Amino acid sequence: MTNDYEKVSNLNYLTGLAKGNTVFVKEMIDMFLEDNPEEIKNLEQSIQNQSYIHIKEIAHKMKSTISFVGLGPLIENELSEIEQLAITQSNIEKIRTLSLKVKEVCEKASKELKSELADY
């Protein structure tokens, strides 16, 4: 778990990819801030409904989007495990537990990224 003083987001990959294009960096941050809360909400709803196919799809999609804001090292393993458990349609409680960590990290990253948008 993270505490309030540890930064979870890391824009090194994104800024390297952007090669100085701050508009691109801002657009990618905006996209994360808009899409991620919806993905988390859809993941929670799919877990509640035990809709394994949707759980798998959402976890898979999130694995690709979290890397842009540096969250891969923190939650990529959890998303991979959620995806695998959904494929085997097993252990919804473990999926729920893993999703709580994913949600916590994503919410903290969103707060950080909102404050960083002022730099772009």
N, C-alpha and C. Protein backbone atom coordinates (compact mmCIF):
# COMPACT_ATOMS: atom_id res chain seq x y z
N MET A 1 0.84 -1.18 0.00
CA MET A 1 0.00 0.00 0.00
C MET A 1 0.89 1.26 0.00
N THR A 2 0.32 2.31 -0.52
CA THR A 2 1.08 3.55 -0.60
C THR A 2 0.63 4.49 0.50
N ASN A 3 1.52 5.39 0.90
CA ASN A 3 1.09 6.41 1.85
C ASN A 3 0.95 7.73 1.10
N ASP A 4 0.49 8.76 1.78
CA ASP A 4 0.19 10.02 1.12
C ASP A 4 1.43 10.74 0.59
N TYR A 5 2.61 10.35 1.02
CA TYR A 5 3.81 11.06 0.62
C TYR A 5 4.53 10.41 -0.56
N GLU A 6 4.15 9.19 -0.89
CA GLU A 6 4.77 8.50 -2.01
C GLU A 6 4.02 8.84 -3.29
N LYS A 7 4.78 9.30 -4.26
CA LYS A 7 4.17 9.61 -5.55
C LYS A 7 4.03 8.30 -6.33
N VAL A 8 2.87 8.09 -6.95
CA VAL A 8 2.66 6.86 -7.69
C VAL A 8 2.79 7.06 -9.19
N SER A 9 2.45 8.24 -9.68
CA SER A 9 2.55 8.47 -11.12
C SER A 9 3.98 8.83 -11.50
N ASN A 10 4.33 8.55 -12.74
CA ASN A 10 5.66 8.85 -13.25
C ASN A 10 5.51 9.11 -14.74
N LEU A 11 5.81 10.31 -15.16
CA LEU A 11 5.59 10.70 -16.54
C LEU A 11 6.85 10.57 -17.41
N ASN A 12 7.89 9.91 -16.91
CA ASN A 12 9.12 9.77 -17.68
C ASN A 12 8.89 9.07 -19.02
N TYR A 13 8.15 7.98 -19.01
CA TYR A 13 7.88 7.26 -20.25
C TYR A 13 7.10 8.15 -21.23
N LEU A 14 6.07 8.80 -20.73
CA LEU A 14 5.22 9.64 -21.58
C LEU A 14 5.99 10.82 -22.15
N THR A 15 6.78 11.49 -21.31
CA THR A 15 7.53 12.65 -21.81
C THR A 15 8.61 12.22 -22.80
N GLY A 16 9.18 11.04 -22.59
CA GLY A 16 10.15 10.51 -23.55
C GLY A 16 9.48 10.19 -24.88
N LEU A 17 8.32 9.62 -24.81
CA LEU A 17 7.54 9.30 -26.01
C LEU A 17 7.13 10.56 -26.75
N ALA A 18 6.82 11.61 -26.00
CA ALA A 18 6.34 12.87 -26.59
C ALA A 18 7.45 13.66 -27.27
N LYS A 19 8.70 13.42 -26.89
CA LYS A 19 9.85 14.13 -27.47
C LYS A 19 9.65 15.65 -27.47
N GLY A 20 9.23 16.17 -26.32
CA GLY A 20 9.08 17.61 -26.18
C GLY A 20 7.71 18.16 -26.54
N ASN A 21 6.84 17.32 -27.04
CA ASN A 21 5.49 17.77 -27.42
C ASN A 21 4.60 17.80 -26.17
N THR A 22 4.55 18.96 -25.53
CA THR A 22 3.79 19.09 -24.28
C THR A 22 2.28 18.97 -24.52
N VAL A 23 1.84 19.32 -25.71
CA VAL A 23 0.40 19.18 -26.03
C VAL A 23 0.02 17.69 -25.98
N PHE A 24 0.89 16.84 -26.53
CA PHE A 24 0.65 15.40 -26.50
C PHE A 24 0.61 14.89 -25.06
N VAL A 25 1.56 15.33 -24.24
CA VAL A 25 1.60 14.91 -22.84
C VAL A 25 0.30 15.31 -22.15
N LYS A 26 -0.12 16.54 -22.35
CA LYS A 26 -1.36 17.03 -21.73
C LYS A 26 -2.57 16.21 -22.21
N GLU A 27 -2.63 15.93 -23.50
CA GLU A 27 -3.74 15.15 -24.04
C GLU A 27 -3.78 13.75 -23.45
N MET A 28 -2.63 13.13 -23.28
CA MET A 28 -2.58 11.78 -22.71
C MET A 28 -2.98 11.78 -21.23
N ILE A 29 -2.55 12.81 -20.51
CA ILE A 29 -2.96 12.94 -19.10
C ILE A 29 -4.47 13.15 -19.04
N ASP A 30 -4.97 14.05 -19.87
CA ASP A 30 -6.43 14.29 -19.91
C ASP A 30 -7.19 13.00 -20.22
N MET A 31 -6.68 12.23 -21.17
CA MET A 31 -7.35 10.98 -21.55
C MET A 31 -7.38 10.01 -20.36
N PHE A 32 -6.25 9.90 -19.65
CA PHE A 32 -6.21 9.02 -18.48
C PHE A 32 -7.22 9.50 -17.44
N LEU A 33 -7.22 10.81 -17.17
CA LEU A 33 -8.11 11.36 -16.15
C LEU A 33 -9.59 11.17 -16.50
N GLU A 34 -9.88 11.17 -17.78
CA GLU A 34 -11.27 10.98 -18.21
C GLU A 34 -11.66 9.50 -18.25
N ASP A 35 -10.78 8.67 -18.81
CA ASP A 35 -11.12 7.27 -19.05
C ASP A 35 -10.96 6.38 -17.82
N ASN A 36 -9.93 6.61 -17.02
CA ASN A 36 -9.63 5.69 -15.92
C ASN A 36 -10.75 5.58 -14.89
N PRO A 37 -11.34 6.69 -14.42
CA PRO A 37 -12.44 6.53 -13.45
C PRO A 37 -13.61 5.70 -14.00
N GLU A 38 -13.87 5.85 -15.29
CA GLU A 38 -14.93 5.06 -15.94
C GLU A 38 -14.54 3.59 -16.00
N GLU A 39 -13.28 3.32 -16.30
CA GLU A 39 -12.80 1.94 -16.32
C GLU A 39 -12.90 1.30 -14.94
N ILE A 40 -12.51 2.04 -13.91
CA ILE A 40 -12.61 1.53 -12.53
C ILE A 40 -14.06 1.23 -12.19
N LYS A 41 -14.95 2.16 -12.52
CA LYS A 41 -16.38 1.98 -12.26
C LYS A 41 -16.92 0.74 -12.99
N ASN A 42 -16.54 0.59 -14.26
CA ASN A 42 -16.99 -0.57 -15.03
C ASN A 42 -16.42 -1.87 -14.48
N LEU A 43 -15.17 -1.82 -14.02
CA LEU A 43 -14.56 -3.00 -13.41
C LEU A 43 -15.32 -3.40 -12.15
N GLU A 44 -15.61 -2.43 -11.31
CA GLU A 44 -16.35 -2.72 -10.07
C GLU A 44 -17.74 -3.30 -10.37
N GLN A 45 -18.40 -2.73 -11.35
CA GLN A 45 -19.73 -3.22 -11.73
C GLN A 45 -19.65 -4.65 -12.29
N SER A 46 -18.65 -4.90 -13.10
CA SER A 46 -18.47 -6.24 -13.67
C SER A 46 -18.15 -7.26 -12.59
N ILE A 47 -17.36 -6.86 -11.60
CA ILE A 47 -17.06 -7.76 -10.48
C ILE A 47 -18.34 -8.04 -9.70
N GLN A 48 -19.10 -7.01 -9.44
CA GLN A 48 -20.36 -7.17 -8.70
C GLN A 48 -21.29 -8.14 -9.44
N ASN A 49 -21.32 -8.03 -10.77
CA ASN A 49 -22.18 -8.90 -11.59
C ASN A 49 -21.54 -10.24 -11.93
N GLN A 50 -20.28 -10.42 -11.51
CA GLN A 50 -19.50 -11.61 -11.84
C GLN A 50 -19.48 -11.85 -13.35
N SER A 51 -19.32 -10.77 -14.08
CA SER A 51 -19.23 -10.82 -15.54
C SER A 51 -17.76 -10.97 -15.93
N TYR A 52 -17.31 -12.22 -15.92
CA TYR A 52 -15.89 -12.50 -16.12
C TYR A 52 -15.35 -12.00 -17.45
N ILE A 53 -16.15 -12.09 -18.51
CA ILE A 53 -15.67 -11.64 -19.81
C ILE A 53 -15.38 -10.14 -19.79
N HIS A 54 -16.23 -9.37 -19.13
CA HIS A 54 -16.02 -7.92 -19.02
C HIS A 54 -14.85 -7.61 -18.09
N ILE A 55 -14.73 -8.35 -17.01
CA ILE A 55 -13.61 -8.16 -16.09
C ILE A 55 -12.30 -8.34 -16.86
N LYS A 56 -12.22 -9.41 -17.64
CA LYS A 56 -11.01 -9.69 -18.43
C LYS A 56 -10.73 -8.56 -19.41
N GLU A 57 -11.75 -8.12 -20.13
CA GLU A 57 -11.58 -7.06 -21.13
C GLU A 57 -11.09 -5.75 -20.50
N ILE A 58 -11.69 -5.38 -19.39
CA ILE A 58 -11.33 -4.12 -18.73
C ILE A 58 -9.90 -4.20 -18.18
N ALA A 59 -9.57 -5.29 -17.51
CA ALA A 59 -8.22 -5.45 -16.96
C ALA A 59 -7.18 -5.41 -18.08
N HIS A 60 -7.48 -6.07 -19.19
CA HIS A 60 -6.55 -6.08 -20.32
C HIS A 60 -6.34 -4.67 -20.87
N LYS A 61 -7.42 -3.94 -21.05
CA LYS A 61 -7.33 -2.57 -21.57
C LYS A 61 -6.55 -1.67 -20.61
N MET A 62 -6.82 -1.82 -19.33
CA MET A 62 -6.15 -0.99 -18.34
C MET A 62 -4.64 -1.22 -18.31
N LYS A 63 -4.21 -2.44 -18.58
CA LYS A 63 -2.77 -2.73 -18.59
C LYS A 63 -2.05 -1.85 -19.61
N SER A 64 -2.69 -1.57 -20.72
CA SER A 64 -2.02 -0.74 -21.73
C SER A 64 -2.07 0.74 -21.38
N THR A 65 -3.10 1.20 -20.70
CA THR A 65 -3.21 2.63 -20.42
C THR A 65 -2.41 3.07 -19.20
N ILE A 66 -2.22 2.20 -18.23
CA ILE A 66 -1.52 2.61 -17.01
C ILE A 66 -0.05 2.90 -17.25
N SER A 67 0.54 2.26 -18.26
CA SER A 67 1.97 2.45 -18.50
C SER A 67 2.30 3.88 -18.91
N PHE A 68 1.38 4.56 -19.55
CA PHE A 68 1.64 5.93 -19.99
C PHE A 68 1.88 6.88 -18.83
N VAL A 69 1.29 6.59 -17.69
CA VAL A 69 1.46 7.47 -16.53
C VAL A 69 2.30 6.80 -15.44
N GLY A 70 3.02 5.75 -15.81
CA GLY A 70 4.00 5.15 -14.91
C GLY A 70 3.46 4.25 -13.83
N LEU A 71 2.24 3.72 -14.01
CA LEU A 71 1.65 2.88 -12.96
C LEU A 71 1.94 1.40 -13.13
N GLY A 72 2.56 1.04 -14.25
CA GLY A 72 2.84 -0.37 -14.51
C GLY A 72 3.54 -1.10 -13.38
N PRO A 73 4.64 -0.55 -12.87
CA PRO A 73 5.34 -1.26 -11.79
C PRO A 73 4.49 -1.46 -10.54
N LEU A 74 3.49 -0.63 -10.35
CA LEU A 74 2.68 -0.71 -9.13
C LEU A 74 1.48 -1.65 -9.25
N ILE A 75 0.85 -1.71 -10.43
CA ILE A 75 -0.40 -2.48 -10.53
C ILE A 75 -0.52 -3.38 -11.76
N GLU A 76 0.50 -3.44 -12.60
CA GLU A 76 0.38 -4.31 -13.78
C GLU A 76 0.23 -5.77 -13.38
N ASN A 77 0.95 -6.21 -12.36
CA ASN A 77 0.82 -7.60 -11.91
C ASN A 77 -0.59 -7.89 -11.41
N GLU A 78 -1.18 -6.94 -10.69
CA GLU A 78 -2.55 -7.13 -10.19
C GLU A 78 -3.54 -7.23 -11.35
N LEU A 79 -3.37 -6.36 -12.35
CA LEU A 79 -4.26 -6.41 -13.51
C LEU A 79 -4.09 -7.71 -14.29
N SER A 80 -2.86 -8.19 -14.41
CA SER A 80 -2.61 -9.47 -15.08
C SER A 80 -3.27 -10.62 -14.33
N GLU A 81 -3.17 -10.57 -13.01
CA GLU A 81 -3.79 -11.62 -12.20
C GLU A 81 -5.31 -11.56 -12.29
N ILE A 82 -5.87 -10.35 -12.27
CA ILE A 82 -7.32 -10.20 -12.45
C ILE A 82 -7.73 -10.80 -13.80
N GLU A 83 -6.98 -10.48 -14.82
CA GLU A 83 -7.28 -10.98 -16.17
C GLU A 83 -7.24 -12.52 -16.20
N GLN A 84 -6.20 -13.11 -15.60
CA GLN A 84 -6.08 -14.57 -15.58
C GLN A 84 -7.20 -15.23 -14.79
N LEU A 85 -7.54 -14.66 -13.65
CA LEU A 85 -8.63 -15.21 -12.84
C LEU A 85 -9.96 -15.12 -13.59
N ALA A 86 -10.13 -14.03 -14.34
CA ALA A 86 -11.37 -13.86 -15.11
C ALA A 86 -11.43 -14.88 -16.24
N ILE A 87 -10.29 -15.18 -16.85
CA ILE A 87 -10.26 -16.18 -17.92
C ILE A 87 -10.71 -17.54 -17.39
N THR A 88 -10.25 -17.88 -16.19
CA THR A 88 -10.61 -19.17 -15.60
C THR A 88 -11.93 -19.10 -14.82
N GLN A 89 -12.52 -17.92 -14.79
CA GLN A 89 -13.79 -17.67 -14.09
C GLN A 89 -13.75 -18.22 -12.67
N SER A 90 -12.71 -17.79 -11.95
CA SER A 90 -12.54 -18.29 -10.59
C SER A 90 -12.19 -17.17 -9.62
N ASN A 91 -12.49 -17.41 -8.37
CA ASN A 91 -12.06 -16.59 -7.24
C ASN A 91 -12.43 -15.12 -7.37
N ILE A 92 -13.71 -14.84 -7.41
CA ILE A 92 -14.19 -13.47 -7.53
C ILE A 92 -13.74 -12.62 -6.34
N GLU A 93 -13.57 -13.23 -5.18
CA GLU A 93 -13.11 -12.46 -4.01
C GLU A 93 -11.67 -11.99 -4.19
N LYS A 94 -10.83 -12.82 -4.76
CA LYS A 94 -9.45 -12.43 -5.04
C LYS A 94 -9.44 -11.31 -6.08
N ILE A 95 -10.28 -11.43 -7.10
CA ILE A 95 -10.40 -10.37 -8.10
C ILE A 95 -10.82 -9.06 -7.43
N ARG A 96 -11.79 -9.15 -6.53
CA ARG A 96 -12.27 -7.95 -5.82
C ARG A 96 -11.15 -7.32 -5.00
N THR A 97 -10.38 -8.13 -4.29
CA THR A 97 -9.27 -7.64 -3.48
C THR A 97 -8.21 -6.96 -4.34
N LEU A 98 -7.84 -7.61 -5.44
CA LEU A 98 -6.85 -7.03 -6.34
C LEU A 98 -7.35 -5.72 -6.93
N SER A 99 -8.63 -5.67 -7.25
CA SER A 99 -9.19 -4.45 -7.86
C SER A 99 -9.16 -3.27 -6.89
N LEU A 100 -9.23 -3.55 -5.60
CA LEU A 100 -9.18 -2.47 -4.61
C LEU A 100 -7.81 -1.77 -4.64
N LYS A 101 -6.74 -2.55 -4.79
CA LYS A 101 -5.41 -1.95 -4.90
C LYS A 101 -5.29 -1.14 -6.19
N VAL A 102 -5.81 -1.70 -7.29
CA VAL A 102 -5.78 -1.00 -8.57
C VAL A 102 -6.51 0.33 -8.44
N LYS A 103 -7.68 0.30 -7.83
CA LYS A 103 -8.47 1.52 -7.66
C LYS A 103 -7.72 2.55 -6.81
N GLU A 104 -7.14 2.11 -5.70
CA GLU A 104 -6.42 3.01 -4.80
C GLU A 104 -5.27 3.72 -5.53
N VAL A 105 -4.48 2.95 -6.27
CA VAL A 105 -3.34 3.51 -6.98
C VAL A 105 -3.82 4.47 -8.08
N CYS A 106 -4.84 4.08 -8.82
CA CYS A 106 -5.35 4.93 -9.90
C CYS A 106 -5.93 6.23 -9.37
N GLU A 107 -6.64 6.17 -8.26
CA GLU A 107 -7.20 7.40 -7.67
C GLU A 107 -6.10 8.33 -7.19
N LYS A 108 -5.06 7.77 -6.59
CA LYS A 108 -3.95 8.60 -6.13
C LYS A 108 -3.23 9.22 -7.34
N ALA A 109 -3.03 8.44 -8.39
CA ALA A 109 -2.39 8.95 -9.61
C ALA A 109 -3.23 10.06 -10.22
N SER A 110 -4.53 9.91 -10.22
CA SER A 110 -5.40 10.94 -10.79
C SER A 110 -5.24 12.26 -10.05
N LYS A 111 -5.17 12.21 -8.73
CA LYS A 111 -4.97 13.44 -7.95
C LYS A 111 -3.64 14.09 -8.31
N GLU A 112 -2.59 13.27 -8.40
CA GLU A 112 -1.27 13.80 -8.76
C GLU A 112 -1.28 14.42 -10.15
N LEU A 113 -1.88 13.72 -11.09
CA LEU A 113 -1.86 14.17 -12.48
C LEU A 113 -2.68 15.45 -12.67
N LYS A 114 -3.75 15.58 -11.92
CA LYS A 114 -4.54 16.82 -12.00
C LYS A 114 -3.69 18.01 -11.59
N SER A 115 -2.88 17.85 -10.55
CA SER A 115 -2.03 18.95 -10.12
C SER A 115 -0.88 19.18 -11.09
N GLU A 116 -0.41 18.12 -11.77
CA GLU A 116 0.68 18.28 -12.74
C GLU A 116 0.22 18.91 -14.05
N LEU A 117 -1.06 18.88 -14.34
CA LEU A 117 -1.56 19.46 -15.58
C LEU A 117 -1.23 20.95 -15.69
N ALA A 118 -1.10 21.59 -14.56
CA ALA A 118 -0.76 23.03 -14.56
C ALA A 118 0.61 23.29 -15.20
N ASP A 119 1.46 22.28 -15.21
CA ASP A 119 2.80 22.42 -15.80
C ASP A 119 2.80 22.33 -17.32
N TYR A 120 1.64 21.96 -17.90
CA TYR A 120 1.60 21.74 -19.36
C TYR A 120 0.71 22.73 -20.07
